[in-house]
Amino acid sequence: MKLVLRGQGYGFKLEEMRYLLNLYDQGKQEQQVVEAYEAGVPRLEELKQTRWRLDETIADLELRLFECLELIELLHTRQRATA
């Protein structure tokens, strides 16, 4: 069960995990390890790309929110000056 949950966390489909687990049950442990590795390498790259895009999006949003805060402060300053 742990392996299934871990695999889901990595983004693998249940069918992929079932296939790999069946290899183990069939006594094909070496094939299972090789195929798990071959499936894991591209998945790792996908996760890294997703993380990179999220980091870029977060940085951009932080910048925009900072700009909004500066504008709010400027508007408040102007309001106080005209009051």
PDB file of N, CA and C in Angstrom:
ATOM      1  N   MET A   1       0.823  -1.188   0.000  1.00  0.00           N
ATOM      2  CA  MET A   1       0.000   0.000   0.000  1.00  0.00           C
ATOM      3  C   MET A   1       0.872   1.260   0.000  1.00  0.00           C
ATOM      4  N   LYS A   2       1.976   1.217   0.774  1.00  0.00           N
ATOM      5  CA  LYS A   2       2.876   2.361   0.806  1.00  0.00           C
ATOM      6  C   LYS A   2       3.414   2.694  -0.582  1.00  0.00           C
ATOM      7  N   LEU A   3       3.766   1.649  -1.321  1.00  0.00           N
ATOM      8  CA  LEU A   3       4.313   1.862  -2.663  1.00  0.00           C
ATOM      9  C   LEU A   3       3.291   2.512  -3.589  1.00  0.00           C
ATOM     10  N   VAL A   4       2.043   2.094  -3.480  1.00  0.00           N
ATOM     11  CA  VAL A   4       0.988   2.666  -4.314  1.00  0.00           C
ATOM     12  C   VAL A   4       0.795   4.140  -3.980  1.00  0.00           C
ATOM     13  N   LEU A   5       0.734   4.462  -2.706  1.00  0.00           N
ATOM     14  CA  LEU A   5       0.562   5.855  -2.300  1.00  0.00           C
ATOM     15  C   LEU A   5       1.755   6.706  -2.716  1.00  0.00           C
ATOM     16  N   ARG A   6       2.944   6.150  -2.571  1.00  0.00           N
ATOM     17  CA  ARG A   6       4.142   6.876  -2.985  1.00  0.00           C
ATOM     18  C   ARG A   6       4.117   7.104  -4.499  1.00  0.00           C
ATOM     19  N   GLY A   7       3.771   6.069  -5.240  1.00  0.00           N
ATOM     20  CA  GLY A   7       3.697   6.192  -6.701  1.00  0.00           C
ATOM     21  C   GLY A   7       2.677   7.232  -7.132  1.00  0.00           C
ATOM     22  N   GLN A   8       1.536   7.261  -6.463  1.00  0.00           N
ATOM     23  CA  GLN A   8       0.530   8.281  -6.772  1.00  0.00           C
ATOM     24  C   GLN A   8       1.070   9.671  -6.482  1.00  0.00           C
ATOM     25  N   GLY A   9       1.802   9.792  -5.389  1.00  0.00           N
ATOM     26  CA  GLY A   9       2.401  11.074  -5.044  1.00  0.00           C
ATOM     27  C   GLY A   9       3.389  11.543  -6.098  1.00  0.00           C
ATOM     28  N   TYR A  10       4.040  10.605  -6.756  1.00  0.00           N
ATOM     29  CA  TYR A  10       4.979  10.938  -7.830  1.00  0.00           C
ATOM     30  C   TYR A  10       4.268  11.212  -9.150  1.00  0.00           C
ATOM     31  N   GLY A  11       2.974  10.914  -9.195  1.00  0.00           N
ATOM     32  CA  GLY A  11       2.205  11.180 -10.406  1.00  0.00           C
ATOM     33  C   GLY A  11       2.034   9.988 -11.325  1.00  0.00           C
ATOM     34  N   PHE A  12       2.385   8.808 -10.859  1.00  0.00           N
ATOM     35  CA  PHE A  12       2.188   7.624 -11.697  1.00  0.00           C
ATOM     36  C   PHE A  12       0.731   7.187 -11.659  1.00  0.00           C
ATOM     37  N   LYS A  13       0.281   6.648 -12.759  1.00  0.00           N
ATOM     38  CA  LYS A  13      -1.094   6.133 -12.845  1.00  0.00           C
ATOM     39  C   LYS A  13      -1.155   4.760 -12.189  1.00  0.00           C
ATOM     40  N   LEU A  14      -2.341   4.415 -11.728  1.00  0.00           N
ATOM     41  CA  LEU A  14      -2.523   3.121 -11.072  1.00  0.00           C
ATOM     42  C   LEU A  14      -2.145   1.967 -11.991  1.00  0.00           C
ATOM     43  N   GLU A  15      -2.452   2.088 -13.260  1.00  0.00           N
ATOM     44  CA  GLU A  15      -2.116   1.024 -14.209  1.00  0.00           C
ATOM     45  C   GLU A  15      -0.609   0.818 -14.309  1.00  0.00           C
ATOM     46  N   GLU A  16       0.146   1.920 -14.310  1.00  0.00           N
ATOM     47  CA  GLU A  16       1.607   1.811 -14.348  1.00  0.00           C
ATOM     48  C   GLU A  16       2.122   1.088 -13.109  1.00  0.00           C
ATOM     49  N   MET A  17       1.585   1.457 -11.970  1.00  0.00           N
ATOM     50  CA  MET A  17       2.028   0.836 -10.722  1.00  0.00           C
ATOM     51  C   MET A  17       1.627  -0.635 -10.665  1.00  0.00           C
ATOM     52  N   ARG A  18       0.435  -0.926 -11.123  1.00  0.00           N
ATOM     53  CA  ARG A  18      -0.038  -2.315 -11.133  1.00  0.00           C
ATOM     54  C   ARG A  18       0.887  -3.172 -11.994  1.00  0.00           C
ATOM     55  N   TYR A  19       1.242  -2.647 -13.166  1.00  0.00           N
ATOM     56  CA  TYR A  19       2.126  -3.374 -14.079  1.00  0.00           C
ATOM     57  C   TYR A  19       3.460  -3.686 -13.390  1.00  0.00           C
ATOM     58  N   LEU A  20       4.054  -2.670 -12.759  1.00  0.00           N
ATOM     59  CA  LEU A  20       5.351  -2.865 -12.104  1.00  0.00           C
ATOM     60  C   LEU A  20       5.254  -3.837 -10.929  1.00  0.00           C
ATOM     61  N   LEU A  21       4.192  -3.740 -10.158  1.00  0.00           N
ATOM     62  CA  LEU A  21       4.017  -4.667  -9.037  1.00  0.00           C
ATOM     63  C   LEU A  21       3.808  -6.095  -9.524  1.00  0.00           C
ATOM     64  N   ASN A  22       3.109  -6.248 -10.631  1.00  0.00           N
ATOM     65  CA  ASN A  22       2.907  -7.583 -11.191  1.00  0.00           C
ATOM     66  C   ASN A  22       4.223  -8.207 -11.648  1.00  0.00           C
ATOM     67  N   LEU A  23       5.138  -7.390 -12.152  1.00  0.00           N
ATOM     68  CA  LEU A  23       6.444  -7.923 -12.538  1.00  0.00           C
ATOM     69  C   LEU A  23       7.127  -8.560 -11.339  1.00  0.00           C
ATOM     70  N   TYR A  24       7.035  -7.903 -10.195  1.00  0.00           N
ATOM     71  CA  TYR A  24       7.649  -8.442  -8.976  1.00  0.00           C
ATOM     72  C   TYR A  24       6.996  -9.769  -8.609  1.00  0.00           C
ATOM     73  N   ASP A  25       5.662  -9.795  -8.665  1.00  0.00           N
ATOM     74  CA  ASP A  25       4.930 -11.016  -8.319  1.00  0.00           C
ATOM     75  C   ASP A  25       5.259 -12.164  -9.259  1.00  0.00           C
ATOM     76  N   GLN A  26       5.641 -11.846 -10.493  1.00  0.00           N
ATOM     77  CA  GLN A  26       5.965 -12.875 -11.485  1.00  0.00           C
ATOM     78  C   GLN A  26       7.432 -13.317 -11.386  1.00  0.00           C
ATOM     79  N   GLY A  27       8.140 -12.800 -10.389  1.00  0.00           N
ATOM     80  CA  GLY A  27       9.531 -13.187 -10.211  1.00  0.00           C
ATOM     81  C   GLY A  27      10.485 -12.460 -11.145  1.00  0.00           C
ATOM     82  N   LYS A  28      10.046 -11.324 -11.659  1.00  0.00           N
ATOM     83  CA  LYS A  28      10.877 -10.551 -12.595  1.00  0.00           C
ATOM     84  C   LYS A  28      11.364  -9.269 -11.910  1.00  0.00           C
ATOM     85  N   GLN A  29      12.038  -9.452 -10.785  1.00  0.00           N
ATOM     86  CA  GLN A  29      12.452  -8.310  -9.987  1.00  0.00           C
ATOM     87  C   GLN A  29      13.414  -7.395 -10.739  1.00  0.00           C
ATOM     88  N   GLU A  30      14.372  -7.988 -11.457  1.00  0.00           N
ATOM     89  CA  GLU A  30      15.331  -7.152 -12.180  1.00  0.00           C
ATOM     90  C   GLU A  30      14.626  -6.318 -13.247  1.00  0.00           C
ATOM     91  N   GLN A  31      13.717  -6.935 -13.975  1.00  0.00           N
ATOM     92  CA  GLN A  31      12.952  -6.204 -14.995  1.00  0.00           C
ATOM     93  C   GLN A  31      12.116  -5.105 -14.334  1.00  0.00           C
ATOM     94  N   GLN A  32      11.563  -5.409 -13.167  1.00  0.00           N
ATOM     95  CA  GLN A  32      10.759  -4.423 -12.448  1.00  0.00           C
ATOM     96  C   GLN A  32      11.602  -3.207 -12.083  1.00  0.00           C
ATOM     97  N   VAL A  33      12.791  -3.443 -11.559  1.00  0.00           N
ATOM     98  CA  VAL A  33      13.657  -2.341 -11.148  1.00  0.00           C
ATOM     99  C   VAL A  33      14.067  -1.508 -12.357  1.00  0.00           C
ATOM    100  N   VAL A  34      14.434  -2.180 -13.451  1.00  0.00           N
ATOM    101  CA  VAL A  34      14.843  -1.467 -14.671  1.00  0.00           C
ATOM    102  C   VAL A  34      13.688  -0.628 -15.202  1.00  0.00           C
ATOM    103  N   GLU A  35      12.508  -1.205 -15.288  1.00  0.00           N
ATOM    104  CA  GLU A  35      11.360  -0.474 -15.833  1.00  0.00           C
ATOM    105  C   GLU A  35      10.899   0.638 -14.891  1.00  0.00           C
ATOM    106  N   ALA A  36      11.014   0.419 -13.595  1.00  0.00           N
ATOM    107  CA  ALA A  36      10.672   1.474 -12.644  1.00  0.00           C
ATOM    108  C   ALA A  36      11.630   2.643 -12.809  1.00  0.00           C
ATOM    109  N   TYR A  37      12.895   2.343 -12.978  1.00  0.00           N
ATOM    110  CA  TYR A  37      13.887   3.398 -13.203  1.00  0.00           C
ATOM    111  C   TYR A  37      13.587   4.150 -14.493  1.00  0.00           C
ATOM    112  N   GLU A  38      13.325   3.409 -15.563  1.00  0.00           N
ATOM    113  CA  GLU A  38      13.049   4.033 -16.863  1.00  0.00           C
ATOM    114  C   GLU A  38      11.788   4.888 -16.830  1.00  0.00           C
ATOM    115  N   ALA A  39      10.820   4.513 -16.026  1.00  0.00           N
ATOM    116  CA  ALA A  39       9.602   5.312 -15.890  1.00  0.00           C
ATOM    117  C   ALA A  39       9.841   6.508 -14.964  1.00  0.00           C
ATOM    118  N   GLY A  40      10.734   6.335 -13.997  1.00  0.00           N
ATOM    119  CA  GLY A  40      10.964   7.385 -13.009  1.00  0.00           C
ATOM    120  C   GLY A  40      11.778   8.558 -13.522  1.00  0.00           C
ATOM    121  N   VAL A  41      12.730   8.297 -14.414  1.00  0.00           N
ATOM    122  CA  VAL A  41      13.595   9.378 -14.904  1.00  0.00           C
ATOM    123  C   VAL A  41      12.793  10.475 -15.589  1.00  0.00           C
ATOM    124  N   PRO A  42      11.946  10.163 -16.576  1.00  0.00           N
ATOM    125  CA  PRO A  42      11.177  11.248 -17.191  1.00  0.00           C
ATOM    126  C   PRO A  42      10.180  11.893 -16.233  1.00  0.00           C
ATOM    127  N   ARG A  43       9.648  11.104 -15.304  1.00  0.00           N
ATOM    128  CA  ARG A  43       8.706  11.673 -14.331  1.00  0.00           C
ATOM    129  C   ARG A  43       9.421  12.694 -13.450  1.00  0.00           C
ATOM    130  N   LEU A  44      10.656  12.394 -13.062  1.00  0.00           N
ATOM    131  CA  LEU A  44      11.437  13.332 -12.271  1.00  0.00           C
ATOM    132  C   LEU A  44      11.647  14.630 -13.041  1.00  0.00           C
ATOM    133  N   GLU A  45      11.945  14.537 -14.315  1.00  0.00           N
ATOM    134  CA  GLU A  45      12.137  15.735 -15.137  1.00  0.00           C
ATOM    135  C   GLU A  45      10.846  16.546 -15.234  1.00  0.00           C
ATOM    136  N   GLU A  46       9.712  15.856 -15.369  1.00  0.00           N
ATOM    137  CA  GLU A  46       8.418  16.557 -15.410  1.00  0.00           C
ATOM    138  C   GLU A  46       8.180  17.305 -14.096  1.00  0.00           C
ATOM    139  N   LEU A  47       8.465  16.647 -12.979  1.00  0.00           N
ATOM    140  CA  LEU A  47       8.268  17.286 -11.679  1.00  0.00           C
ATOM    141  C   LEU A  47       9.186  18.496 -11.518  1.00  0.00           C
ATOM    142  N   LYS A  48      10.419  18.389 -11.986  1.00  0.00           N
ATOM    143  CA  LYS A  48      11.345  19.523 -11.908  1.00  0.00           C
ATOM    144  C   LYS A  48      10.854  20.690 -12.754  1.00  0.00           C
ATOM    145  N   GLN A  49      10.320  20.393 -13.945  1.00  0.00           N
ATOM    146  CA  GLN A  49       9.778  21.452 -14.799  1.00  0.00           C
ATOM    147  C   GLN A  49       8.573  22.110 -14.137  1.00  0.00           C
ATOM    148  N   THR A  50       7.725  21.302 -13.525  1.00  0.00           N
ATOM    149  CA  THR A  50       6.560  21.847 -12.819  1.00  0.00           C
ATOM    150  C   THR A  50       7.008  22.751 -11.684  1.00  0.00           C
ATOM    151  N   ARG A  51       8.018  22.293 -10.919  1.00  0.00           N
ATOM    152  CA  ARG A  51       8.534  23.100  -9.826  1.00  0.00           C
ATOM    153  C   ARG A  51       9.109  24.414 -10.358  1.00  0.00           C
ATOM    154  N   TRP A  52       9.837  24.356 -11.461  1.00  0.00           N
ATOM    155  CA  TRP A  52      10.428  25.564 -12.045  1.00  0.00           C
ATOM    156  C   TRP A  52       9.326  26.549 -12.433  1.00  0.00           C
ATOM    157  N   ARG A  53       8.260  26.031 -13.098  1.00  0.00           N
ATOM    158  CA  ARG A  53       7.153  26.919 -13.495  1.00  0.00           C
ATOM    159  C   ARG A  53       6.461  27.514 -12.273  1.00  0.00           C
ATOM    160  N   LEU A  54       6.265  26.722 -11.235  1.00  0.00           N
ATOM    161  CA  LEU A  54       5.648  27.234 -10.007  1.00  0.00           C
ATOM    162  C   LEU A  54       6.523  28.291  -9.349  1.00  0.00           C
ATOM    163  N   ASP A  55       7.828  28.042  -9.300  1.00  0.00           N
ATOM    164  CA  ASP A  55       8.733  29.038  -8.718  1.00  0.00           C
ATOM    165  C   ASP A  55       8.668  30.354  -9.489  1.00  0.00           C
ATOM    166  N   GLU A  56       8.614  30.273 -10.805  1.00  0.00           N
ATOM    167  CA  GLU A  56       8.507  31.481 -11.635  1.00  0.00           C
ATOM    168  C   GLU A  56       7.189  32.205 -11.378  1.00  0.00           C
ATOM    169  N   THR A  57       6.101  31.457 -11.291  1.00  0.00           N
ATOM    170  CA  THR A  57       4.785  32.043 -11.055  1.00  0.00           C
ATOM    171  C   THR A  57       4.721  32.696  -9.677  1.00  0.00           C
ATOM    172  N   ILE A  58       5.262  32.024  -8.678  1.00  0.00           N
ATOM    173  CA  ILE A  58       5.273  32.576  -7.318  1.00  0.00           C
ATOM    174  C   ILE A  58       6.075  33.864  -7.272  1.00  0.00           C
ATOM    175  N   ALA A  59       7.244  33.862  -7.900  1.00  0.00           N
ATOM    176  CA  ALA A  59       8.080  35.068  -7.901  1.00  0.00           C
ATOM    177  C   ALA A  59       7.358  36.223  -8.589  1.00  0.00           C
ATOM    178  N   ASP A  60       6.691  35.958  -9.691  1.00  0.00           N
ATOM    179  CA  ASP A  60       5.964  36.995 -10.400  1.00  0.00           C
ATOM    180  C   ASP A  60       4.814  37.533  -9.561  1.00  0.00           C
ATOM    181  N   LEU A  61       4.068  36.650  -8.915  1.00  0.00           N
ATOM    182  CA  LEU A  61       2.952  37.085  -8.074  1.00  0.00           C
ATOM    183  C   LEU A  61       3.452  37.899  -6.883  1.00  0.00           C
ATOM    184  N   GLU A  62       4.552  37.475  -6.278  1.00  0.00           N
ATOM    185  CA  GLU A  62       5.110  38.245  -5.166  1.00  0.00           C
ATOM    186  C   GLU A  62       5.467  39.662  -5.618  1.00  0.00           C
ATOM    187  N   LEU A  63       6.061  39.780  -6.797  1.00  0.00           N
ATOM    188  CA  LEU A  63       6.415  41.091  -7.325  1.00  0.00           C
ATOM    189  C   LEU A  63       5.168  41.941  -7.554  1.00  0.00           C
ATOM    190  N   ARG A  64       4.149  41.358  -8.162  1.00  0.00           N
ATOM    191  CA  ARG A  64       2.909  42.110  -8.438  1.00  0.00           C
ATOM    192  C   ARG A  64       2.240  42.549  -7.136  1.00  0.00           C
ATOM    193  N   LEU A  65       2.236  41.683  -6.140  1.00  0.00           N
ATOM    194  CA  LEU A  65       1.628  42.044  -4.855  1.00  0.00           C
ATOM    195  C   LEU A  65       2.413  43.156  -4.181  1.00  0.00           C
ATOM    196  N   PHE A  66       3.733  43.126  -4.277  1.00  0.00           N
ATOM    197  CA  PHE A  66       4.555  44.190  -3.732  1.00  0.00           C
ATOM    198  C   PHE A  66       4.240  45.508  -4.428  1.00  0.00           C
ATOM    199  N   GLU A  67       4.096  45.464  -5.754  1.00  0.00           N
ATOM    200  CA  GLU A  67       3.747  46.673  -6.508  1.00  0.00           C
ATOM    201  C   GLU A  67       2.384  47.206  -6.079  1.00  0.00           C
ATOM    202  N   CYS A  68       1.435  46.312  -5.849  1.00  0.00           N
ATOM    203  CA  CYS A  68       0.106  46.727  -5.384  1.00  0.00           C
ATOM    204  C   CYS A  68       0.210  47.403  -4.019  1.00  0.00           C
ATOM    205  N   LEU A  69       0.992  46.837  -3.138  1.00  0.00           N
ATOM    206  CA  LEU A  69       1.163  47.406  -1.814  1.00  0.00           C
ATOM    207  C   LEU A  69       1.772  48.804  -1.897  1.00  0.00           C
ATOM    208  N   GLU A  70       2.759  48.974  -2.743  1.00  0.00           N
ATOM    209  CA  GLU A  70       3.363  50.305  -2.925  1.00  0.00           C
ATOM    210  C   GLU A  70       2.325  51.302  -3.434  1.00  0.00           C
ATOM    211  N   LEU A  71       1.494  50.879  -4.376  1.00  0.00           N
ATOM    212  CA  LEU A  71       0.462  51.759  -4.927  1.00  0.00           C
ATOM    213  C   LEU A  71      -0.570  52.117  -3.863  1.00  0.00           C
ATOM    214  N   ILE A  72      -0.955  51.141  -3.049  1.00  0.00           N
ATOM    215  CA  ILE A  72      -1.907  51.404  -1.957  1.00  0.00           C
ATOM    216  C   ILE A  72      -1.329  52.445  -1.007  1.00  0.00           C
ATOM    217  N   GLU A  73      -0.064  52.286  -0.641  1.00  0.00           N
ATOM    218  CA  GLU A  73       0.569  53.249   0.255  1.00  0.00           C
ATOM    219  C   GLU A  73       0.628  54.636  -0.376  1.00  0.00           C
ATOM    220  N   LEU A  74       0.935  54.709  -1.662  1.00  0.00           N
ATOM    221  CA  LEU A  74       0.980  55.988  -2.369  1.00  0.00           C
ATOM    222  C   LEU A  74      -0.397  56.645  -2.377  1.00  0.00           C
ATOM    223  N   LEU A  75      -1.432  55.877  -2.651  1.00  0.00           N
ATOM    224  CA  LEU A  75      -2.787  56.425  -2.672  1.00  0.00           C
ATOM    225  C   LEU A  75      -3.206  56.910  -1.289  1.00  0.00           C
ATOM    226  N   HIS A  76      -2.856  56.175  -0.251  1.00  0.00           N
ATOM    227  CA  HIS A  76      -3.176  56.603   1.114  1.00  0.00           C
ATOM    228  C   HIS A  76      -2.445  57.899   1.460  1.00  0.00           C
ATOM    229  N   THR A  77      -1.190  57.992   1.028  1.00  0.00           N
ATOM    230  CA  THR A  77      -0.417  59.199   1.282  1.00  0.00           C
ATOM    231  C   THR A  77      -1.063  60.408   0.595  1.00  0.00           C
ATOM    232  N   ARG A  78      -1.516  60.225  -0.625  1.00  0.00           N
ATOM    233  CA  ARG A  78      -2.169  61.314  -1.359  1.00  0.00           C
ATOM    234  C   ARG A  78      -3.490  61.714  -0.707  1.00  0.00           C
ATOM    235  N   GLN A  79      -4.229  60.708  -0.248  1.00  0.00           N
ATOM    236  CA  GLN A  79      -5.504  60.992   0.409  1.00  0.00           C
ATOM    237  C   GLN A  79      -5.291  61.806   1.683  1.00  0.00           C
ATOM    238  N   ARG A  80      -4.290  61.447   2.452  1.00  0.00           N
ATOM    239  CA  ARG A  80      -4.012  62.184   3.684  1.00  0.00           C
ATOM    240  C   ARG A  80      -3.550  63.606   3.373  1.00  0.00           C
ATOM    241  N   ALA A  81      -2.813  63.760   2.280  1.00  0.00           N
ATOM    242  CA  ALA A  81      -2.302  65.089   1.924  1.00  0.00           C
ATOM    243  C   ALA A  81      -3.431  66.019   1.469  1.00  0.00           C
ATOM    244  N   THR A  82      -4.463  65.465   0.849  1.00  0.00           N
ATOM    245  CA  THR A  82      -5.577  66.289   0.366  1.00  0.00           C
ATOM    246  C   THR A  82      -6.682  66.439   1.395  1.00  0.00           C
ATOM    247  N   ALA A  83      -6.589  65.722   2.481  1.00  0.00           N
ATOM    248  CA  ALA A  83      -7.646  65.798   3.508  1.00  0.00           C
ATOM    249  C   ALA A  83      -7.423  66.931   4.469  1.00  0.00           C
TER     250      ALA A  83
END
